[in-house]
């Protein structure tokens, strides 16, 4: 075989072996003999085979679950809380050089921070202010991971599991609160009705004819109930009437 052809084949294989395609949503950290050289941008790239290698980093927003953590709140209530964390690689070089496994590291950091933040507040605060709790966790984790070239986008609290006895106590409390509100509303309605009746009584007292009309209306309502007999305990004449002018 012609030596020139062998050399050409070797050169072609050598060139093809060094071709790399970096996608738009990734960055490539290039090493030469294990030493960092540069950061490759998206597009068609070529490296020296054997001598150089690259490590790809995804710069899109990455989502990781914060595993369920058992937390003892400030008011000594045990509960299990989990969440979700969104982060993005801002500096691919730091993410590779400063931390061994940034996904695992962020996950562990988020779990520890979740326990610390929720352990310093009461249960009612956790239940009613999830957004605020998530914001506090985000700020703490972002401060710790900033040196890794990572930006924390958001942290959300997903589920809060309470002991069964606590659930029953909260249900009883909510039921008692609804009963209290219902009684207050009923009492307010009774008060308003009494005020209206008082005003109506004052108007009727000013006109004996109105009293008779009211009596006839009451009789009409009674008759609509299909009663066959109506008994008057007093005669109509005892009702007040205007004094006739002599």
C-alpha atoms as a PDB file:
ATOM      1  CA  UNK A   1       0.000   0.000   0.000  1.00  0.00           C
ATOM      2  CA  UNK A   2       1.246   3.437  -0.906  1.00  0.00           C
ATOM      3  CA  UNK A   3       2.705   5.174   2.195  1.00  0.00           C
ATOM      4  CA  UNK A   4       1.207   8.480   1.067  1.00  0.00           C
ATOM      5  CA  UNK A   5      -2.277   6.973   1.081  1.00  0.00           C
ATOM      6  CA  UNK A   6      -1.668   5.611   4.567  1.00  0.00           C
ATOM      7  CA  UNK A   7      -0.612   9.015   5.769  1.00  0.00           C
ATOM      8  CA  UNK A   8      -3.656  10.627   4.143  1.00  0.00           C
ATOM      9  CA  UNK A   9      -5.978   8.116   5.773  1.00  0.00           C
ATOM     10  CA  UNK A  10      -4.309   8.722   9.124  1.00  0.00           C
ATOM     11  CA  UNK A  11      -4.638  12.505   8.706  1.00  0.00           C
ATOM     12  CA  UNK A  12      -8.327  12.207   7.758  1.00  0.00           C
ATOM     13  CA  UNK A  13      -9.048   9.994  10.753  1.00  0.00           C
ATOM     14  CA  UNK A  14      -7.083  12.350  12.992  1.00  0.00           C
ATOM     15  CA  UNK A  15      -9.080  15.359  11.777  1.00  0.00           C
ATOM     16  CA  UNK A  16     -12.440  13.600  12.030  1.00  0.00           C
ATOM     17  CA  UNK A  17     -11.641  12.375  15.532  1.00  0.00           C
ATOM     18  CA  UNK A  18     -11.209  15.957  16.735  1.00  0.00           C
ATOM     19  CA  UNK A  19     -14.496  17.336  15.398  1.00  0.00           C
ATOM     20  CA  UNK A  20     -16.978  18.455  18.056  1.00  0.00           C
ATOM     21  CA  UNK A  21     -20.395  20.101  17.754  1.00  0.00           C
ATOM     22  CA  UNK A  22     -21.420  22.338  20.644  1.00  0.00           C
ATOM     23  CA  UNK A  23     -25.154  23.066  20.771  1.00  0.00           C
ATOM     24  CA  UNK A  24     -26.520  26.540  21.467  1.00  0.00           C
ATOM     25  CA  UNK A  25     -27.795  25.572  24.931  1.00  0.00           C
ATOM     26  CA  UNK A  26     -24.433  24.133  26.005  1.00  0.00           C
ATOM     27  CA  UNK A  27     -20.901  25.277  26.668  1.00  0.00           C
ATOM     28  CA  UNK A  28     -17.741  23.180  26.385  1.00  0.00           C
ATOM     29  CA  UNK A  29     -14.859  23.455  28.839  1.00  0.00           C
ATOM     30  CA  UNK A  30     -11.636  22.438  27.060  1.00  0.00           C
ATOM     31  CA  UNK A  31      -8.692  20.764  28.795  1.00  0.00           C
ATOM     32  CA  UNK A  32      -5.239  20.016  27.404  1.00  0.00           C
ATOM     33  CA  UNK A  33      -3.295  17.338  29.244  1.00  0.00           C
ATOM     34  CA  UNK A  34      -5.743  17.854  32.108  1.00  0.00           C
ATOM     35  CA  UNK A  35      -5.180  21.600  32.309  1.00  0.00           C
ATOM     36  CA  UNK A  36      -7.947  24.093  31.643  1.00  0.00           C
ATOM     37  CA  UNK A  37      -7.449  25.928  28.328  1.00  0.00           C
ATOM     38  CA  UNK A  38     -10.606  27.783  27.334  1.00  0.00           C
ATOM     39  CA  UNK A  39     -14.387  27.783  27.115  1.00  0.00           C
ATOM     40  CA  UNK A  40     -15.755  26.765  23.725  1.00  0.00           C
ATOM     41  CA  UNK A  41     -18.832  28.619  22.456  1.00  0.00           C
ATOM     42  CA  UNK A  42     -21.641  26.950  20.451  1.00  0.00           C
ATOM     43  CA  UNK A  43     -20.924  25.837  16.905  1.00  0.00           C
ATOM     44  CA  UNK A  44     -18.435  23.658  14.965  1.00  0.00           C
ATOM     45  CA  UNK A  45     -15.268  23.087  17.030  1.00  0.00           C
ATOM     46  CA  UNK A  46     -12.121  21.027  16.665  1.00  0.00           C
ATOM     47  CA  UNK A  47      -9.817  19.696  19.367  1.00  0.00           C
ATOM     48  CA  UNK A  48      -6.571  17.776  19.234  1.00  0.00           C
ATOM     49  CA  UNK A  49      -7.463  14.099  19.685  1.00  0.00           C
ATOM     50  CA  UNK A  50      -5.920  12.342  22.693  1.00  0.00           C
ATOM     51  CA  UNK A  51      -4.208  15.555  23.786  1.00  0.00           C
ATOM     52  CA  UNK A  52      -7.360  17.588  24.415  1.00  0.00           C
ATOM     53  CA  UNK A  53     -10.820  16.795  25.701  1.00  0.00           C
ATOM     54  CA  UNK A  54     -13.955  18.774  26.478  1.00  0.00           C
ATOM     55  CA  UNK A  55     -16.631  18.623  29.138  1.00  0.00           C
ATOM     56  CA  UNK A  56     -20.087  19.867  28.169  1.00  0.00           C
ATOM     57  CA  UNK A  57     -22.232  21.959  30.499  1.00  0.00           C
ATOM     58  CA  UNK A  58     -25.942  22.590  29.995  1.00  0.00           C
ATOM     59  CA  UNK A  59     -26.752  26.275  30.593  1.00  0.00           C
ATOM     60  CA  UNK A  60     -30.542  25.899  30.486  1.00  0.00           C
ATOM     61  CA  UNK A  61     -32.650  26.175  33.632  1.00  0.00           C
ATOM     62  CA  UNK A  62     -32.348  22.885  35.524  1.00  0.00           C
ATOM     63  CA  UNK A  63     -34.968  21.577  37.943  1.00  0.00           C
ATOM     64  CA  UNK A  64     -34.161  19.393  40.933  1.00  0.00           C
ATOM     65  CA  UNK A  65     -36.447  18.051  43.635  1.00  0.00           C
ATOM     66  CA  UNK A  66     -35.683  18.834  47.250  1.00  0.00           C
ATOM     67  CA  UNK A  67     -36.279  15.496  48.913  1.00  0.00           C
ATOM     68  CA  UNK A  68     -38.731  15.249  51.762  1.00  0.00           C
ATOM     69  CA  UNK A  69     -37.175  16.514  54.979  1.00  0.00           C
ATOM     70  CA  UNK A  70     -38.358  15.895  58.527  1.00  0.00           C
ATOM     71  CA  UNK A  71     -38.479  19.284  60.240  1.00  0.00           C
ATOM     72  CA  UNK A  72     -39.194  20.253  63.848  1.00  0.00           C
ATOM     73  CA  UNK A  73     -40.737  23.728  63.762  1.00  0.00           C
ATOM     74  CA  UNK A  74     -40.134  26.434  66.328  1.00  0.00           C
ATOM     75  CA  UNK A  75     -43.375  25.523  68.124  1.00  0.00           C
ATOM     76  CA  UNK A  76     -42.247  21.863  68.354  1.00  0.00           C
ATOM     77  CA  UNK A  77     -44.480  20.429  65.618  1.00  0.00           C
ATOM     78  CA  UNK A  78     -42.890  17.637  63.541  1.00  0.00           C
ATOM     79  CA  UNK A  79     -43.665  17.724  59.831  1.00  0.00           C
ATOM     80  CA  UNK A  80     -42.301  16.531  56.491  1.00  0.00           C
ATOM     81  CA  UNK A  81     -41.594  19.149  53.822  1.00  0.00           C
ATOM     82  CA  UNK A  82     -40.340  18.862  50.259  1.00  0.00           C
ATOM     83  CA  UNK A  83     -39.868  21.338  47.444  1.00  0.00           C
ATOM     84  CA  UNK A  84     -38.406  22.081  44.044  1.00  0.00           C
ATOM     85  CA  UNK A  85     -35.421  24.241  43.082  1.00  0.00           C
ATOM     86  CA  UNK A  86     -34.655  25.900  39.738  1.00  0.00           C
ATOM     87  CA  UNK A  87     -31.099  26.938  38.884  1.00  0.00           C
ATOM     88  CA  UNK A  88     -28.997  27.940  35.897  1.00  0.00           C
ATOM     89  CA  UNK A  89     -25.280  27.779  35.094  1.00  0.00           C
ATOM     90  CA  UNK A  90     -23.973  31.309  34.600  1.00  0.00           C
ATOM     91  CA  UNK A  91     -20.262  30.432  34.444  1.00  0.00           C
ATOM     92  CA  UNK A  92     -19.596  26.966  33.022  1.00  0.00           C
ATOM     93  CA  UNK A  93     -15.887  27.134  33.858  1.00  0.00           C
ATOM     94  CA  UNK A  94     -16.513  27.659  37.597  1.00  0.00           C
ATOM     95  CA  UNK A  95     -19.229  24.997  37.642  1.00  0.00           C
ATOM     96  CA  UNK A  96     -16.681  22.442  36.430  1.00  0.00           C
ATOM     97  CA  UNK A  97     -13.559  23.627  38.231  1.00  0.00           C
ATOM     98  CA  UNK A  98     -14.967  24.710  41.605  1.00  0.00           C
ATOM     99  CA  UNK A  99     -17.291  21.811  42.483  1.00  0.00           C
ATOM    100  CA  UNK A 100     -17.173  18.103  41.666  1.00  0.00           C
ATOM    101  CA  UNK A 101     -20.916  17.509  41.042  1.00  0.00           C
ATOM    102  CA  UNK A 102     -22.859  20.771  41.119  1.00  0.00           C
ATOM    103  CA  UNK A 103     -26.287  19.099  40.862  1.00  0.00           C
ATOM    104  CA  UNK A 104     -25.637  16.905  43.906  1.00  0.00           C
ATOM    105  CA  UNK A 105     -24.033  19.795  45.790  1.00  0.00           C
ATOM    106  CA  UNK A 106     -27.005  22.107  45.190  1.00  0.00           C
ATOM    107  CA  UNK A 107     -29.422  19.367  46.193  1.00  0.00           C
ATOM    108  CA  UNK A 108     -27.649  18.802  49.508  1.00  0.00           C
ATOM    109  CA  UNK A 109     -27.368  22.535  50.134  1.00  0.00           C
ATOM    110  CA  UNK A 110     -31.087  23.023  49.479  1.00  0.00           C
ATOM    111  CA  UNK A 111     -32.069  20.183  51.813  1.00  0.00           C
ATOM    112  CA  UNK A 112     -29.955  21.534  54.667  1.00  0.00           C
ATOM    113  CA  UNK A 113     -31.231  25.080  54.124  1.00  0.00           C
ATOM    114  CA  UNK A 114     -34.846  23.883  54.038  1.00  0.00           C
ATOM    115  CA  UNK A 115     -34.423  22.245  57.451  1.00  0.00           C
ATOM    116  CA  UNK A 116     -32.708  25.317  58.902  1.00  0.00           C
ATOM    117  CA  UNK A 117     -35.226  27.882  57.620  1.00  0.00           C
ATOM    118  CA  UNK A 118     -38.358  25.887  58.500  1.00  0.00           C
ATOM    119  CA  UNK A 119     -36.960  24.988  61.919  1.00  0.00           C
ATOM    120  CA  UNK A 120     -36.756  28.658  62.878  1.00  0.00           C
ATOM    121  CA  UNK A 121     -40.423  29.519  62.240  1.00  0.00           C
ATOM    122  CA  UNK A 122     -43.761  28.297  63.556  1.00  0.00           C
ATOM    123  CA  UNK A 123     -46.051  25.914  61.709  1.00  0.00           C
ATOM    124  CA  UNK A 124     -48.640  28.596  60.947  1.00  0.00           C
ATOM    125  CA  UNK A 125     -45.952  30.649  59.209  1.00  0.00           C
ATOM    126  CA  UNK A 126     -44.893  27.695  57.055  1.00  0.00           C
ATOM    127  CA  UNK A 127     -48.488  26.985  56.038  1.00  0.00           C
ATOM    128  CA  UNK A 128     -49.469  30.572  55.288  1.00  0.00           C
ATOM    129  CA  UNK A 129     -46.200  32.005  53.929  1.00  0.00           C
ATOM    130  CA  UNK A 130     -44.794  29.402  51.558  1.00  0.00           C
ATOM    131  CA  UNK A 131     -43.629  32.027  49.079  1.00  0.00           C
ATOM    132  CA  UNK A 132     -41.673  33.844  51.779  1.00  0.00           C
ATOM    133  CA  UNK A 133     -40.090  30.600  53.019  1.00  0.00           C
ATOM    134  CA  UNK A 134     -39.076  29.699  49.455  1.00  0.00           C
ATOM    135  CA  UNK A 135     -37.583  33.157  48.956  1.00  0.00           C
ATOM    136  CA  UNK A 136     -35.494  32.840  52.124  1.00  0.00           C
ATOM    137  CA  UNK A 137     -34.186  29.435  51.025  1.00  0.00           C
ATOM    138  CA  UNK A 138     -33.350  30.843  47.571  1.00  0.00           C
ATOM    139  CA  UNK A 139     -31.334  33.728  49.018  1.00  0.00           C
ATOM    140  CA  UNK A 140     -29.287  31.467  51.301  1.00  0.00           C
ATOM    141  CA  UNK A 141     -28.548  28.827  48.644  1.00  0.00           C
ATOM    142  CA  UNK A 142     -27.739  31.465  46.035  1.00  0.00           C
ATOM    143  CA  UNK A 143     -25.246  33.105  48.380  1.00  0.00           C
ATOM    144  CA  UNK A 144     -23.452  29.793  48.921  1.00  0.00           C
ATOM    145  CA  UNK A 145     -23.447  28.716  45.251  1.00  0.00           C
ATOM    146  CA  UNK A 146     -22.447  32.045  43.732  1.00  0.00           C
ATOM    147  CA  UNK A 147     -18.758  31.041  43.828  1.00  0.00           C
ATOM    148  CA  UNK A 148     -19.654  28.005  41.694  1.00  0.00           C
ATOM    149  CA  UNK A 149     -20.940  30.185  38.854  1.00  0.00           C
ATOM    150  CA  UNK A 150     -24.526  29.086  39.513  1.00  0.00           C
ATOM    151  CA  UNK A 151     -27.615  31.284  39.743  1.00  0.00           C
ATOM    152  CA  UNK A 152     -30.646  30.081  41.728  1.00  0.00           C
ATOM    153  CA  UNK A 153     -33.787  31.058  39.821  1.00  0.00           C
ATOM    154  CA  UNK A 154     -36.481  30.087  42.317  1.00  0.00           C
ATOM    155  CA  UNK A 155     -37.391  27.745  45.184  1.00  0.00           C
ATOM    156  CA  UNK A 156     -40.928  26.470  45.768  1.00  0.00           C
ATOM    157  CA  UNK A 157     -42.355  24.564  48.733  1.00  0.00           C
ATOM    158  CA  UNK A 158     -44.438  21.706  47.343  1.00  0.00           C
ATOM    159  CA  UNK A 159     -45.954  19.532  50.071  1.00  0.00           C
ATOM    160  CA  UNK A 160     -46.220  19.817  53.844  1.00  0.00           C
ATOM    161  CA  UNK A 161     -47.213  16.612  55.626  1.00  0.00           C
ATOM    162  CA  UNK A 162     -48.514  16.925  59.180  1.00  0.00           C
ATOM    163  CA  UNK A 163     -49.171  14.267  61.872  1.00  0.00           C
ATOM    164  CA  UNK A 164     -52.719  12.909  61.934  1.00  0.00           C
ATOM    165  CA  UNK A 165     -53.462  14.334  65.391  1.00  0.00           C
ATOM    166  CA  UNK A 166     -52.355  17.772  64.188  1.00  0.00           C
ATOM    167  CA  UNK A 167     -54.605  17.489  61.128  1.00  0.00           C
ATOM    168  CA  UNK A 168     -57.569  16.645  63.360  1.00  0.00           C
ATOM    169  CA  UNK A 169     -56.789  19.553  65.682  1.00  0.00           C
ATOM    170  CA  UNK A 170     -56.569  21.975  62.769  1.00  0.00           C
ATOM    171  CA  UNK A 171     -59.827  20.626  61.320  1.00  0.00           C
ATOM    172  CA  UNK A 172     -61.573  21.112  64.673  1.00  0.00           C
ATOM    173  CA  UNK A 173     -60.164  24.622  64.939  1.00  0.00           C
ATOM    174  CA  UNK A 174     -61.362  25.489  61.434  1.00  0.00           C
ATOM    175  CA  UNK A 175     -64.812  24.067  62.173  1.00  0.00           C
ATOM    176  CA  UNK A 176     -65.062  26.056  65.405  1.00  0.00           C
ATOM    177  CA  UNK A 177     -64.018  29.213  63.565  1.00  0.00           C
ATOM    178  CA  UNK A 178     -66.681  28.670  60.888  1.00  0.00           C
ATOM    179  CA  UNK A 179     -69.298  28.055  63.615  1.00  0.00           C
ATOM    180  CA  UNK A 180     -68.268  31.290  65.365  1.00  0.00           C
ATOM    181  CA  UNK A 181     -68.580  33.270  62.153  1.00  0.00           C
ATOM    182  CA  UNK A 182     -71.989  31.721  61.426  1.00  0.00           C
ATOM    183  CA  UNK A 183     -73.283  32.705  64.879  1.00  0.00           C
ATOM    184  CA  UNK A 184     -71.986  36.239  64.473  1.00  0.00           C
ATOM    185  CA  UNK A 185     -73.669  36.560  61.093  1.00  0.00           C
ATOM    186  CA  UNK A 186     -76.948  35.148  62.494  1.00  0.00           C
ATOM    187  CA  UNK A 187     -76.842  37.527  65.450  1.00  0.00           C
ATOM    188  CA  UNK A 188     -76.178  40.461  63.139  1.00  0.00           C
ATOM    189  CA  UNK A 189     -79.113  39.414  60.963  1.00  0.00           C
ATOM    190  CA  UNK A 190     -81.381  39.164  64.016  1.00  0.00           C
ATOM    191  CA  UNK A 191     -80.286  42.628  65.131  1.00  0.00           C
ATOM    192  CA  UNK A 192     -81.000  44.129  61.721  1.00  0.00           C
ATOM    193  CA  UNK A 193     -84.393  42.372  61.584  1.00  0.00           C
ATOM    194  CA  UNK A 194     -85.303  43.663  65.066  1.00  0.00           C
ATOM    195  CA  UNK A 195     -84.386  47.209  64.036  1.00  0.00           C
ATOM    196  CA  UNK A 196     -86.582  46.961  60.955  1.00  0.00           C
ATOM    197  CA  UNK A 197     -89.487  45.526  62.980  1.00  0.00           C
ATOM    198  CA  UNK A 198     -89.139  48.357  65.492  1.00  0.00           C
ATOM    199  CA  UNK A 199     -89.315  50.914  62.703  1.00  0.00           C
ATOM    200  CA  UNK A 200     -92.324  49.135  61.176  1.00  0.00           C
ATOM    201  CA  UNK A 201     -94.084  49.045  64.572  1.00  0.00           C
ATOM    202  CA  UNK A 202     -93.626  52.765  65.014  1.00  0.00           C
ATOM    203  CA  UNK A 203     -95.137  53.424  61.582  1.00  0.00           C
ATOM    204  CA  UNK A 204     -98.112  51.105  62.255  1.00  0.00           C
ATOM    205  CA  UNK A 205     -98.790  52.735  65.645  1.00  0.00           C
ATOM    206  CA  UNK A 206     -99.332  56.044  63.909  1.00  0.00           C
ATOM    207  CA  UNK A 207    -102.290  54.665  61.890  1.00  0.00           C
ATOM    208  CA  UNK A 208    -105.075  52.412  63.322  1.00  0.00           C
ATOM    209  CA  UNK A 209    -106.089  51.552  59.770  1.00  0.00           C
ATOM    210  CA  UNK A 210    -102.662  50.145  59.185  1.00  0.00           C
ATOM    211  CA  UNK A 211    -103.100  47.895  62.233  1.00  0.00           C
ATOM    212  CA  UNK A 212    -106.352  46.538  60.784  1.00  0.00           C
ATOM    213  CA  UNK A 213    -104.752  45.975  57.391  1.00  0.00           C
ATOM    214  CA  UNK A 214    -101.926  44.132  59.053  1.00  0.00           C
ATOM    215  CA  UNK A 215    -104.463  41.993  60.927  1.00  0.00           C
ATOM    216  CA  UNK A 216    -106.298  41.143  57.708  1.00  0.00           C
ATOM    217  CA  UNK A 217    -103.022  40.223  56.036  1.00  0.00           C
ATOM    218  CA  UNK A 218    -102.185  37.906  58.927  1.00  0.00           C
ATOM    219  CA  UNK A 219    -105.619  36.278  58.594  1.00  0.00           C
ATOM    220  CA  UNK A 220    -105.027  35.834  54.877  1.00  0.00           C
ATOM    221  CA  UNK A 221    -101.700  34.122  55.564  1.00  0.00           C
ATOM    222  CA  UNK A 222    -103.350  31.803  58.082  1.00  0.00           C
ATOM    223  CA  UNK A 223    -106.151  30.956  55.655  1.00  0.00           C
ATOM    224  CA  UNK A 224    -103.640  29.974  52.972  1.00  0.00           C
ATOM    225  CA  UNK A 225    -102.490  27.131  55.209  1.00  0.00           C
ATOM    226  CA  UNK A 226    -105.897  25.393  54.658  1.00  0.00           C
ATOM    227  CA  UNK A 227    -107.075  25.816  58.237  1.00  0.00           C
ATOM    228  CA  UNK A 228    -110.825  25.334  58.526  1.00  0.00           C
ATOM    229  CA  UNK A 229    -111.379  27.344  61.713  1.00  0.00           C
ATOM    230  CA  UNK A 230    -109.885  30.648  62.892  1.00  0.00           C
ATOM    231  CA  UNK A 231    -110.443  31.686  66.513  1.00  0.00           C
ATOM    232  CA  UNK A 232    -109.960  35.313  67.646  1.00  0.00           C
ATOM    233  CA  UNK A 233    -108.813  35.625  71.277  1.00  0.00           C
ATOM    234  CA  UNK A 234    -110.146  39.203  71.387  1.00  0.00           C
ATOM    235  CA  UNK A 235    -112.649  41.223  69.357  1.00  0.00           C
ATOM    236  CA  UNK A 236    -111.509  43.640  66.720  1.00  0.00           C
ATOM    237  CA  UNK A 237    -113.140  46.520  68.585  1.00  0.00           C
ATOM    238  CA  UNK A 238    -110.445  46.478  71.260  1.00  0.00           C
ATOM    239  CA  UNK A 239    -107.948  47.657  68.705  1.00  0.00           C
ATOM    240  CA  UNK A 240    -107.128  51.355  69.009  1.00  0.00           C
ATOM    241  CA  UNK A 241    -109.192  53.703  66.856  1.00  0.00           C
ATOM    242  CA  UNK A 242    -109.238  57.438  66.265  1.00  0.00           C
ATOM    243  CA  UNK A 243    -111.611  59.378  68.456  1.00  0.00           C
ATOM    244  CA  UNK A 244    -114.550  60.590  66.466  1.00  0.00           C
ATOM    245  CA  UNK A 245    -115.244  64.289  66.581  1.00  0.00           C
ATOM    246  CA  UNK A 246    -118.466  64.990  68.391  1.00  0.00           C
END
